[in-house]
Every structure is written in structure tokens, then in C-alpha cells.
Amino acid sequence: MRYTQATLNKIEQVLDDASYIVRYERGTFQSGYCILEQKKVVVLNKFLPLEGRINTLVDIIPQLKVNPIDLSPDSGKTYTEIMEKFRLAQENEPGEN
């Protein structure tokens, strides 16, 4: 995944299609983000650089309740790429097997 504004926009569109609101705020987030699941709001530290924003959103998406049926074809493709990356990371974690 490339670290460009276009990539960030695609990832944000996945969340938008899934009815999540992405906000960039100042705060003391230990992990750089906060998820308000009941309100479907994802809050990221506004001081994260572009690469940090992309990596954080990619880490967050597998934790969210996203229905792939609700996504546009482009967002569905991005979502599938993110979930595949997550699945591969899970398979390659040390201590498994």
C-alpha cells in the first residue's frame, strides 16, 4: 500500500461507506486513535503524519463492524486489500502453530 493522500482518501471512503465518521483531533491517545463504536466515530490524533494516518486506519478497520455489502465497488476493493493484509499479518505472527 502506497503512502499517498489518494490512499488515505480511499481508506477514509471505506469508513464513510460503512457510516463511520473519521475525525482528526488533538488529544492524548495512547495508540494514536480512539474508537467510539456506539456512535460510529473514529478519532485520530491530528498530529499523525500521512503514513501514520494510513497505518492507523489500516489497523483500525479490522476491529470495526463493516458490512462489505454496504461498500461501493472501489471501497470494497480497498476493504478486501486491508482485510487480506490483516489476515496475512495474523498468520505470520510468532507463537502461532
PDB file of N, CA and C in Angstrom:
ATOM      1  N   MET A   1       0.853  -1.181   0.000  1.00  0.00           N
ATOM      2  CA  MET A   1       0.000   0.000   0.000  1.00  0.00           C
ATOM      3  C   MET A   1       0.898   1.244   0.000  1.00  0.00           C
ATOM      4  N   ARG A   2       0.614   2.143  -0.894  1.00  0.00           N
ATOM      5  CA  ARG A   2       1.437   3.341  -1.015  1.00  0.00           C
ATOM      6  C   ARG A   2       0.961   4.412  -0.037  1.00  0.00           C
ATOM      7  N   TYR A   3       1.897   5.215   0.417  1.00  0.00           N
ATOM      8  CA  TYR A   3       1.588   6.269   1.388  1.00  0.00           C
ATOM      9  C   TYR A   3       1.376   7.598   0.671  1.00  0.00           C
ATOM     10  N   THR A   4       0.178   7.746   0.093  1.00  0.00           N
ATOM     11  CA  THR A   4      -0.177   8.976  -0.611  1.00  0.00           C
ATOM     12  C   THR A   4      -1.509   9.485  -0.088  1.00  0.00           C
ATOM     13  N   GLN A   5      -1.806  10.732  -0.392  1.00  0.00           N
ATOM     14  CA  GLN A   5      -3.093  11.301   0.004  1.00  0.00           C
ATOM     15  C   GLN A   5      -4.240  10.520  -0.650  1.00  0.00           C
ATOM     16  N   ALA A   6      -4.034  10.054  -1.871  1.00  0.00           N
ATOM     17  CA  ALA A   6      -5.069   9.276  -2.566  1.00  0.00           C
ATOM     18  C   ALA A   6      -5.382   7.987  -1.804  1.00  0.00           C
ATOM     19  N   THR A   7      -4.347   7.326  -1.272  1.00  0.00           N
ATOM     20  CA  THR A   7      -4.553   6.106  -0.484  1.00  0.00           C
ATOM     21  C   THR A   7      -5.341   6.422   0.777  1.00  0.00           C
ATOM     22  N   LEU A   8      -4.977   7.500   1.455  1.00  0.00           N
ATOM     23  CA  LEU A   8      -5.700   7.909   2.653  1.00  0.00           C
ATOM     24  C   LEU A   8      -7.163   8.186   2.314  1.00  0.00           C
ATOM     25  N   ASN A   9      -7.410   8.860   1.203  1.00  0.00           N
ATOM     26  CA  ASN A   9      -8.778   9.161   0.786  1.00  0.00           C
ATOM     27  C   ASN A   9      -9.580   7.890   0.533  1.00  0.00           C
ATOM     28  N   LYS A  10      -8.957   6.872  -0.085  1.00  0.00           N
ATOM     29  CA  LYS A  10      -9.631   5.599  -0.347  1.00  0.00           C
ATOM     30  C   LYS A  10     -10.010   4.910   0.963  1.00  0.00           C
ATOM     31  N   ILE A  11      -9.093   4.919   1.913  1.00  0.00           N
ATOM     32  CA  ILE A  11      -9.355   4.274   3.201  1.00  0.00           C
ATOM     33  C   ILE A  11     -10.454   5.024   3.952  1.00  0.00           C
ATOM     34  N   GLU A  12     -10.400   6.345   3.934  1.00  0.00           N
ATOM     35  CA  GLU A  12     -11.449   7.142   4.570  1.00  0.00           C
ATOM     36  C   GLU A  12     -12.804   6.885   3.905  1.00  0.00           C
ATOM     37  N   GLN A  13     -12.805   6.644   2.588  1.00  0.00           N
ATOM     38  CA  GLN A  13     -14.056   6.369   1.876  1.00  0.00           C
ATOM     39  C   GLN A  13     -14.662   5.042   2.321  1.00  0.00           C
ATOM     40  N   VAL A  14     -13.820   4.060   2.615  1.00  0.00           N
ATOM     41  CA  VAL A  14     -14.322   2.786   3.150  1.00  0.00           C
ATOM     42  C   VAL A  14     -15.106   3.052   4.433  1.00  0.00           C
ATOM     43  N   LEU A  15     -14.515   3.835   5.320  1.00  0.00           N
ATOM     44  CA  LEU A  15     -15.181   4.148   6.586  1.00  0.00           C
ATOM     45  C   LEU A  15     -16.453   4.964   6.362  1.00  0.00           C
ATOM     46  N   ASP A  16     -16.404   5.895   5.428  1.00  0.00           N
ATOM     47  CA  ASP A  16     -17.582   6.701   5.111  1.00  0.00           C
ATOM     48  C   ASP A  16     -18.715   5.818   4.580  1.00  0.00           C
ATOM     49  N   ASP A  17     -18.394   4.898   3.669  1.00  0.00           N
ATOM     50  CA  ASP A  17     -19.401   3.984   3.127  1.00  0.00           C
ATOM     51  C   ASP A  17     -19.990   3.086   4.213  1.00  0.00           C
ATOM     52  N   ALA A  18     -19.190   2.790   5.243  1.00  0.00           N
ATOM     53  CA  ALA A  18     -19.644   1.950   6.354  1.00  0.00           C
ATOM     54  C   ALA A  18     -20.323   2.790   7.442  1.00  0.00           C
ATOM     55  N   SER A  19     -20.569   4.070   7.141  1.00  0.00           N
ATOM     56  CA  SER A  19     -21.264   5.007   8.051  1.00  0.00           C
ATOM     57  C   SER A  19     -20.451   5.399   9.274  1.00  0.00           C
ATOM     58  N   TYR A  20     -19.133   5.326   9.163  1.00  0.00           N
ATOM     59  CA  TYR A  20     -18.265   5.809  10.239  1.00  0.00           C
ATOM     60  C   TYR A  20     -17.817   7.226   9.905  1.00  0.00           C
ATOM     61  N   ILE A  21     -17.634   8.007  10.927  1.00  0.00           N
ATOM     62  CA  ILE A  21     -17.123   9.362  10.788  1.00  0.00           C
ATOM     63  C   ILE A  21     -15.671   9.344  11.244  1.00  0.00           C
ATOM     64  N   VAL A  22     -14.792   9.887  10.422  1.00  0.00           N
ATOM     65  CA  VAL A  22     -13.369   9.981  10.774  1.00  0.00           C
ATOM     66  C   VAL A  22     -13.096  11.432  11.141  1.00  0.00           C
ATOM     67  N   ARG A  23     -12.574  11.615  12.341  1.00  0.00           N
ATOM     68  CA  ARG A  23     -12.227  12.964  12.807  1.00  0.00           C
ATOM     69  C   ARG A  23     -10.773  12.981  13.224  1.00  0.00           C
ATOM     70  N   TYR A  24     -10.143  14.107  12.954  1.00  0.00           N
ATOM     71  CA  TYR A  24      -8.752  14.311  13.362  1.00  0.00           C
ATOM     72  C   TYR A  24      -8.767  15.384  14.437  1.00  0.00           C
ATOM     73  N   GLU A  25      -8.417  14.988  15.654  1.00  0.00           N
ATOM     74  CA  GLU A  25      -8.488  15.884  16.802  1.00  0.00           C
ATOM     75  C   GLU A  25      -7.191  15.816  17.595  1.00  0.00           C
ATOM     76  N   ARG A  26      -7.011  16.842  18.401  1.00  0.00           N
ATOM     77  CA  ARG A  26      -5.887  16.847  19.324  1.00  0.00           C
ATOM     78  C   ARG A  26      -6.314  16.096  20.572  1.00  0.00           C
ATOM     79  N   GLY A  27      -5.436  15.290  21.098  1.00  0.00           N
ATOM     80  CA  GLY A  27      -5.772  14.542  22.302  1.00  0.00           C
ATOM     81  C   GLY A  27      -4.617  13.667  22.731  1.00  0.00           C
ATOM     82  N   THR A  28      -4.802  13.022  23.848  1.00  0.00           N
ATOM     83  CA  THR A  28      -3.764  12.128  24.357  1.00  0.00           C
ATOM     84  C   THR A  28      -4.223  10.693  24.139  1.00  0.00           C
ATOM     85  N   PHE A  29      -4.129  10.249  22.908  1.00  0.00           N
ATOM     86  CA  PHE A  29      -4.495   8.885  22.575  1.00  0.00           C
ATOM     87  C   PHE A  29      -3.237   8.044  22.681  1.00  0.00           C
ATOM     88  N   GLN A  30      -3.248   7.043  23.541  1.00  0.00           N
ATOM     89  CA  GLN A  30      -2.054   6.229  23.733  1.00  0.00           C
ATOM     90  C   GLN A  30      -1.642   5.530  22.442  1.00  0.00           C
ATOM     91  N   SER A  31      -2.619   5.116  21.662  1.00  0.00           N
ATOM     92  CA  SER A  31      -2.300   4.401  20.427  1.00  0.00           C
ATOM     93  C   SER A  31      -2.425   5.291  19.199  1.00  0.00           C
ATOM     94  N   GLY A  32      -2.725   6.558  19.371  1.00  0.00           N
ATOM     95  CA  GLY A  32      -2.877   7.465  18.245  1.00  0.00           C
ATOM     96  C   GLY A  32      -4.296   7.563  17.735  1.00  0.00           C
ATOM     97  N   TYR A  33      -5.204   6.781  18.351  1.00  0.00           N
ATOM     98  CA  TYR A  33      -6.592   6.836  17.911  1.00  0.00           C
ATOM     99  C   TYR A  33      -7.539   6.450  19.039  1.00  0.00           C
ATOM    100  N   CYS A  34      -8.824   6.691  18.791  1.00  0.00           N
ATOM    101  CA  CYS A  34      -9.877   6.333  19.728  1.00  0.00           C
ATOM    102  C   CYS A  34     -11.087   5.935  18.887  1.00  0.00           C
ATOM    103  N   ILE A  35     -11.759   4.858  19.256  1.00  0.00           N
ATOM    104  CA  ILE A  35     -12.944   4.413  18.529  1.00  0.00           C
ATOM    105  C   ILE A  35     -14.150   4.558  19.453  1.00  0.00           C
ATOM    106  N   LEU A  36     -15.133   5.310  19.002  1.00  0.00           N
ATOM    107  CA  LEU A  36     -16.398   5.430  19.721  1.00  0.00           C
ATOM    108  C   LEU A  36     -17.399   4.568  18.960  1.00  0.00           C
ATOM    109  N   GLU A  37     -17.421   3.272  19.277  1.00  0.00           N
ATOM    110  CA  GLU A  37     -18.170   2.288  18.492  1.00  0.00           C
ATOM    111  C   GLU A  37     -19.664   2.589  18.442  1.00  0.00           C
ATOM    112  N   GLN A  38     -20.263   2.983  19.552  1.00  0.00           N
ATOM    113  CA  GLN A  38     -21.703   3.217  19.575  1.00  0.00           C
ATOM    114  C   GLN A  38     -22.120   4.359  18.652  1.00  0.00           C
ATOM    115  N   LYS A  39     -21.235   5.342  18.477  1.00  0.00           N
ATOM    116  CA  LYS A  39     -21.542   6.488  17.624  1.00  0.00           C
ATOM    117  C   LYS A  39     -20.924   6.364  16.245  1.00  0.00           C
ATOM    118  N   LYS A  40     -20.201   5.271  16.015  1.00  0.00           N
ATOM    119  CA  LYS A  40     -19.521   5.038  14.736  1.00  0.00           C
ATOM    120  C   LYS A  40     -18.607   6.211  14.372  1.00  0.00           C
ATOM    121  N   VAL A  41     -17.774   6.582  15.347  1.00  0.00           N
ATOM    122  CA  VAL A  41     -16.813   7.669  15.152  1.00  0.00           C
ATOM    123  C   VAL A  41     -15.417   7.126  15.431  1.00  0.00           C
ATOM    124  N   VAL A  42     -14.497   7.439  14.545  1.00  0.00           N
ATOM    125  CA  VAL A  42     -13.086   7.105  14.722  1.00  0.00           C
ATOM    126  C   VAL A  42     -12.353   8.431  14.846  1.00  0.00           C
ATOM    127  N   VAL A  43     -11.619   8.610  15.944  1.00  0.00           N
ATOM    128  CA  VAL A  43     -10.890   9.851  16.176  1.00  0.00           C
ATOM    129  C   VAL A  43      -9.399   9.529  16.152  1.00  0.00           C
ATOM    130  N   LEU A  44      -8.677  10.211  15.264  1.00  0.00           N
ATOM    131  CA  LEU A  44      -7.234  10.035  15.160  1.00  0.00           C
ATOM    132  C   LEU A  44      -6.536  11.294  15.640  1.00  0.00           C
ATOM    133  N   ASN A  45      -5.336  11.096  16.145  1.00  0.00           N
ATOM    134  CA  ASN A  45      -4.515  12.224  16.562  1.00  0.00           C
ATOM    135  C   ASN A  45      -4.198  13.062  15.321  1.00  0.00           C
ATOM    136  N   LYS A  46      -4.559  14.334  15.350  1.00  0.00           N
ATOM    137  CA  LYS A  46      -4.384  15.179  14.167  1.00  0.00           C
ATOM    138  C   LYS A  46      -2.919  15.458  13.851  1.00  0.00           C
ATOM    139  N   PHE A  47      -2.024  15.153  14.771  1.00  0.00           N
ATOM    140  CA  PHE A  47      -0.611  15.391  14.542  1.00  0.00           C
ATOM    141  C   PHE A  47       0.092  14.199  13.884  1.00  0.00           C
ATOM    142  N   LEU A  48      -0.652  13.118  13.611  1.00  0.00           N
ATOM    143  CA  LEU A  48      -0.047  11.983  12.917  1.00  0.00           C
ATOM    144  C   LEU A  48       0.300  12.398  11.490  1.00  0.00           C
ATOM    145  N   PRO A  49       1.479  12.010  11.020  1.00  0.00           N
ATOM    146  CA  PRO A  49       1.816  12.290   9.615  1.00  0.00           C
ATOM    147  C   PRO A  49       0.984  11.380   8.701  1.00  0.00           C
ATOM    148  N   LEU A  50       1.035  11.616   7.414  1.00  0.00           N
ATOM    149  CA  LEU A  50       0.256  10.859   6.438  1.00  0.00           C
ATOM    150  C   LEU A  50       0.454   9.350   6.594  1.00  0.00           C
ATOM    151  N   GLU A  51       1.692   8.913   6.696  1.00  0.00           N
ATOM    152  CA  GLU A  51       1.988   7.485   6.846  1.00  0.00           C
ATOM    153  C   GLU A  51       1.351   6.933   8.117  1.00  0.00           C
ATOM    154  N   GLY A  52       1.421   7.688   9.208  1.00  0.00           N
ATOM    155  CA  GLY A  52       0.814   7.265  10.469  1.00  0.00           C
ATOM    156  C   GLY A  52      -0.694   7.181  10.376  1.00  0.00           C
ATOM    157  N   ARG A  53      -1.311   8.115   9.671  1.00  0.00           N
ATOM    158  CA  ARG A  53      -2.766   8.090   9.496  1.00  0.00           C
ATOM    159  C   ARG A  53      -3.198   6.846   8.727  1.00  0.00           C
ATOM    160  N   ILE A  54      -2.475   6.551   7.641  1.00  0.00           N
ATOM    161  CA  ILE A  54      -2.809   5.379   6.831  1.00  0.00           C
ATOM    162  C   ILE A  54      -2.616   4.099   7.651  1.00  0.00           C
ATOM    163  N   ASN A  55      -1.468   3.956   8.298  1.00  0.00           N
ATOM    164  CA  ASN A  55      -1.203   2.751   9.087  1.00  0.00           C
ATOM    165  C   ASN A  55      -2.217   2.583  10.208  1.00  0.00           C
ATOM    166  N   THR A  56      -2.587   3.669  10.854  1.00  0.00           N
ATOM    167  CA  THR A  56      -3.540   3.593  11.955  1.00  0.00           C
ATOM    168  C   THR A  56      -4.914   3.168  11.448  1.00  0.00           C
ATOM    169  N   LEU A  57      -5.375   3.748  10.355  1.00  0.00           N
ATOM    170  CA  LEU A  57      -6.678   3.368   9.811  1.00  0.00           C
ATOM    171  C   LEU A  57      -6.678   1.918   9.334  1.00  0.00           C
ATOM    172  N   VAL A  58      -5.575   1.474   8.747  1.00  0.00           N
ATOM    173  CA  VAL A  58      -5.471   0.077   8.316  1.00  0.00           C
ATOM    174  C   VAL A  58      -5.533  -0.855   9.526  1.00  0.00           C
ATOM    175  N   ASP A  59      -4.961  -0.439  10.645  1.00  0.00           N
ATOM    176  CA  ASP A  59      -5.023  -1.237  11.880  1.00  0.00           C
ATOM    177  C   ASP A  59      -6.422  -1.228  12.497  1.00  0.00           C
ATOM    178  N   ILE A  60      -7.132  -0.117  12.337  1.00  0.00           N
ATOM    179  CA  ILE A  60      -8.449   0.035  12.947  1.00  0.00           C
ATOM    180  C   ILE A  60      -9.529  -0.741  12.199  1.00  0.00           C
ATOM    181  N   ILE A  61      -9.515  -0.701  10.895  1.00  0.00           N
ATOM    182  CA  ILE A  61     -10.620  -1.246  10.098  1.00  0.00           C
ATOM    183  C   ILE A  61     -10.977  -2.694  10.449  1.00  0.00           C
ATOM    184  N   PRO A  62     -10.015  -3.609  10.651  1.00  0.00           N
ATOM    185  CA  PRO A  62     -10.415  -4.972  11.024  1.00  0.00           C
ATOM    186  C   PRO A  62     -11.166  -5.060  12.365  1.00  0.00           C
ATOM    187  N   GLN A  63     -11.030  -4.062  13.220  1.00  0.00           N
ATOM    188  CA  GLN A  63     -11.704  -4.060  14.515  1.00  0.00           C
ATOM    189  C   GLN A  63     -13.155  -3.575  14.427  1.00  0.00           C
ATOM    190  N   LEU A  64     -13.504  -2.941  13.316  1.00  0.00           N
ATOM    191  CA  LEU A  64     -14.818  -2.322  13.179  1.00  0.00           C
ATOM    192  C   LEU A  64     -15.826  -3.287  12.570  1.00  0.00           C
ATOM    193  N   LYS A  65     -17.088  -2.970  12.793  1.00  0.00           N
ATOM    194  CA  LYS A  65     -18.174  -3.751  12.211  1.00  0.00           C
ATOM    195  C   LYS A  65     -18.507  -3.150  10.847  1.00  0.00           C
ATOM    196  N   VAL A  66     -17.859  -3.688   9.819  1.00  0.00           N
ATOM    197  CA  VAL A  66     -18.064  -3.206   8.457  1.00  0.00           C
ATOM    198  C   VAL A  66     -18.768  -4.303   7.670  1.00  0.00           C
ATOM    199  N   ASN A  67     -19.892  -3.954   7.051  1.00  0.00           N
ATOM    200  CA  ASN A  67     -20.615  -4.889   6.203  1.00  0.00           C
ATOM    201  C   ASN A  67     -20.173  -4.632   4.765  1.00  0.00           C
ATOM    202  N   PRO A  68     -19.434  -5.558   4.152  1.00  0.00           N
ATOM    203  CA  PRO A  68     -18.925  -5.331   2.802  1.00  0.00           C
ATOM    204  C   PRO A  68     -20.021  -5.028   1.780  1.00  0.00           C
ATOM    205  N   ILE A  69     -21.227  -5.455   2.035  1.00  0.00           N
ATOM    206  CA  ILE A  69     -22.345  -5.200   1.119  1.00  0.00           C
ATOM    207  C   ILE A  69     -22.657  -3.708   1.035  1.00  0.00           C
ATOM    208  N   ASP A  70     -22.387  -2.975   2.103  1.00  0.00           N
ATOM    209  CA  ASP A  70     -22.674  -1.538   2.139  1.00  0.00           C
ATOM    210  C   ASP A  70     -21.649  -0.704   1.376  1.00  0.00           C
ATOM    211  N   LEU A  71     -20.560  -1.313   0.961  1.00  0.00           N
ATOM    212  CA  LEU A  71     -19.458  -0.572   0.351  1.00  0.00           C
ATOM    213  C   LEU A  71     -19.628  -0.456  -1.160  1.00  0.00           C
ATOM    214  N   SER A  72     -19.152   0.653  -1.703  1.00  0.00           N
ATOM    215  CA  SER A  72     -19.107   0.822  -3.157  1.00  0.00           C
ATOM    216  C   SER A  72     -18.079  -0.161  -3.716  1.00  0.00           C
ATOM    217  N   PRO A  73     -18.099  -0.418  -5.028  1.00  0.00           N
ATOM    218  CA  PRO A  73     -17.105  -1.355  -5.590  1.00  0.00           C
ATOM    219  C   PRO A  73     -15.654  -0.945  -5.288  1.00  0.00           C
ATOM    220  N   ASP A  74     -15.339   0.338  -5.407  1.00  0.00           N
ATOM    221  CA  ASP A  74     -13.970   0.788  -5.117  1.00  0.00           C
ATOM    222  C   ASP A  74     -13.622   0.606  -3.647  1.00  0.00           C
ATOM    223  N   SER A  75     -14.556   0.969  -2.772  1.00  0.00           N
ATOM    224  CA  SER A  75     -14.321   0.801  -1.337  1.00  0.00           C
ATOM    225  C   SER A  75     -14.232  -0.672  -0.970  1.00  0.00           C
ATOM    226  N   GLY A  76     -15.042  -1.489  -1.621  1.00  0.00           N
ATOM    227  CA  GLY A  76     -14.996  -2.932  -1.379  1.00  0.00           C
ATOM    228  C   GLY A  76     -13.639  -3.513  -1.723  1.00  0.00           C
ATOM    229  N   LYS A  77     -13.049  -3.036  -2.817  1.00  0.00           N
ATOM    230  CA  LYS A  77     -11.722  -3.497  -3.216  1.00  0.00           C
ATOM    231  C   LYS A  77     -10.678  -3.086  -2.176  1.00  0.00           C
ATOM    232  N   THR A  78     -10.744  -1.831  -1.720  1.00  0.00           N
ATOM    233  CA  THR A  78      -9.812  -1.343  -0.698  1.00  0.00           C
ATOM    234  C   THR A  78      -9.988  -2.129   0.595  1.00  0.00           C
ATOM    235  N   TYR A  79     -11.241  -2.362   0.986  1.00  0.00           N
ATOM    236  CA  TYR A  79     -11.536  -3.112   2.206  1.00  0.00           C
ATOM    237  C   TYR A  79     -10.970  -4.538   2.111  1.00  0.00           C
ATOM    238  N   THR A  80     -11.138  -5.174   0.960  1.00  0.00           N
ATOM    239  CA  THR A  80     -10.624  -6.530   0.763  1.00  0.00           C
ATOM    240  C   THR A  80      -9.102  -6.551   0.891  1.00  0.00           C
ATOM    241  N   GLU A  81      -8.419  -5.551   0.321  1.00  0.00           N
ATOM    242  CA  GLU A  81      -6.962  -5.463   0.430  1.00  0.00           C
ATOM    243  C   GLU A  81      -6.530  -5.320   1.887  1.00  0.00           C
ATOM    244  N   ILE A  82      -7.236  -4.482   2.635  1.00  0.00           N
ATOM    245  CA  ILE A  82      -6.896  -4.265   4.041  1.00  0.00           C
ATOM    246  C   ILE A  82      -7.104  -5.544   4.841  1.00  0.00           C
ATOM    247  N   MET A  83      -8.221  -6.225   4.608  1.00  0.00           N
ATOM    248  CA  MET A  83      -8.517  -7.435   5.360  1.00  0.00           C
ATOM    249  C   MET A  83      -7.546  -8.565   4.997  1.00  0.00           C
ATOM    250  N   GLU A  84      -7.114  -8.616   3.738  1.00  0.00           N
ATOM    251  CA  GLU A  84      -6.132  -9.618   3.326  1.00  0.00           C
ATOM    252  C   GLU A  84      -4.792  -9.346   4.006  1.00  0.00           C
ATOM    253  N   LYS A  85      -4.400  -8.089   4.063  1.00  0.00           N
ATOM    254  CA  LYS A  85      -3.163  -7.712   4.741  1.00  0.00           C
ATOM    255  C   LYS A  85      -3.252  -8.099   6.225  1.00  0.00           C
ATOM    256  N   PHE A  86      -4.407  -7.859   6.846  1.00  0.00           N
ATOM    257  CA  PHE A  86      -4.622  -8.204   8.250  1.00  0.00           C
ATOM    258  C   PHE A  86      -4.530  -9.726   8.439  1.00  0.00           C
ATOM    259  N   ARG A  87      -5.175 -10.480   7.543  1.00  0.00           N
ATOM    260  CA  ARG A  87      -5.167 -11.944   7.641  1.00  0.00           C
ATOM    261  C   ARG A  87      -3.744 -12.486   7.523  1.00  0.00           C
ATOM    262  N   LEU A  88      -2.986 -11.960   6.579  1.00  0.00           N
ATOM    263  CA  LEU A  88      -1.596 -12.401   6.410  1.00  0.00           C
ATOM    264  C   LEU A  88      -0.744 -12.062   7.625  1.00  0.00           C
ATOM    265  N   ALA A  89      -0.974 -10.889   8.208  1.00  0.00           N
ATOM    266  CA  ALA A  89      -0.233 -10.493   9.406  1.00  0.00           C
ATOM    267  C   ALA A  89      -0.552 -11.435  10.567  1.00  0.00           C
ATOM    268  N   GLN A  90      -1.821 -11.838  10.689  1.00  0.00           N
ATOM    269  CA  GLN A  90      -2.226 -12.760  11.746  1.00  0.00           C
ATOM    270  C   GLN A  90      -1.573 -14.128  11.567  1.00  0.00           C
ATOM    271  N   GLU A  91      -1.499 -14.583  10.330  1.00  0.00           N
ATOM    272  CA  GLU A  91      -0.896 -15.890  10.053  1.00  0.00           C
ATOM    273  C   GLU A  91       0.600 -15.896  10.326  1.00  0.00           C
ATOM    274  N   ASN A  92       1.247 -14.748  10.162  1.00  0.00           N
ATOM    275  CA  ASN A  92       2.697 -14.678  10.307  1.00  0.00           C
ATOM    276  C   ASN A  92       3.158 -14.255  11.695  1.00  0.00           C
ATOM    277  N   GLU A  93       2.235 -14.119  12.629  1.00  0.00           N
ATOM    278  CA  GLU A  93       2.633 -13.739  13.993  1.00  0.00           C
ATOM    279  C   GLU A  93       3.423 -14.864  14.641  1.00  0.00           C
ATOM    280  N   PRO A  94       4.501 -14.529  15.336  1.00  0.00           N
ATOM    281  CA  PRO A  94       5.269 -15.569  16.023  1.00  0.00           C
ATOM    282  C   PRO A  94       4.448 -16.154  17.175  1.00  0.00           C
ATOM    283  N   GLY A  95       4.700 -17.410  17.470  1.00  0.00           N
ATOM    284  CA  GLY A  95       3.999 -18.047  18.573  1.00  0.00           C
ATOM    285  C   GLY A  95       2.777 -18.805  18.125  1.00  0.00           C
ATOM    286  N   GLU A  96       2.388 -18.648  16.877  1.00  0.00           N
ATOM    287  CA  GLU A  96       1.264 -19.401  16.343  1.00  0.00           C
ATOM    288  C   GLU A  96       1.769 -20.785  15.953  1.00  0.00           C
ATOM    289  N   ASN A  97       0.887 -21.732  15.768  1.00  0.00           N
ATOM    290  CA  ASN A  97       1.164 -23.108  15.350  1.00  0.00           C
ATOM    291  C   ASN A  97       1.386 -23.994  16.510  1.00  0.00           C
TER     292      ASN A  97
END
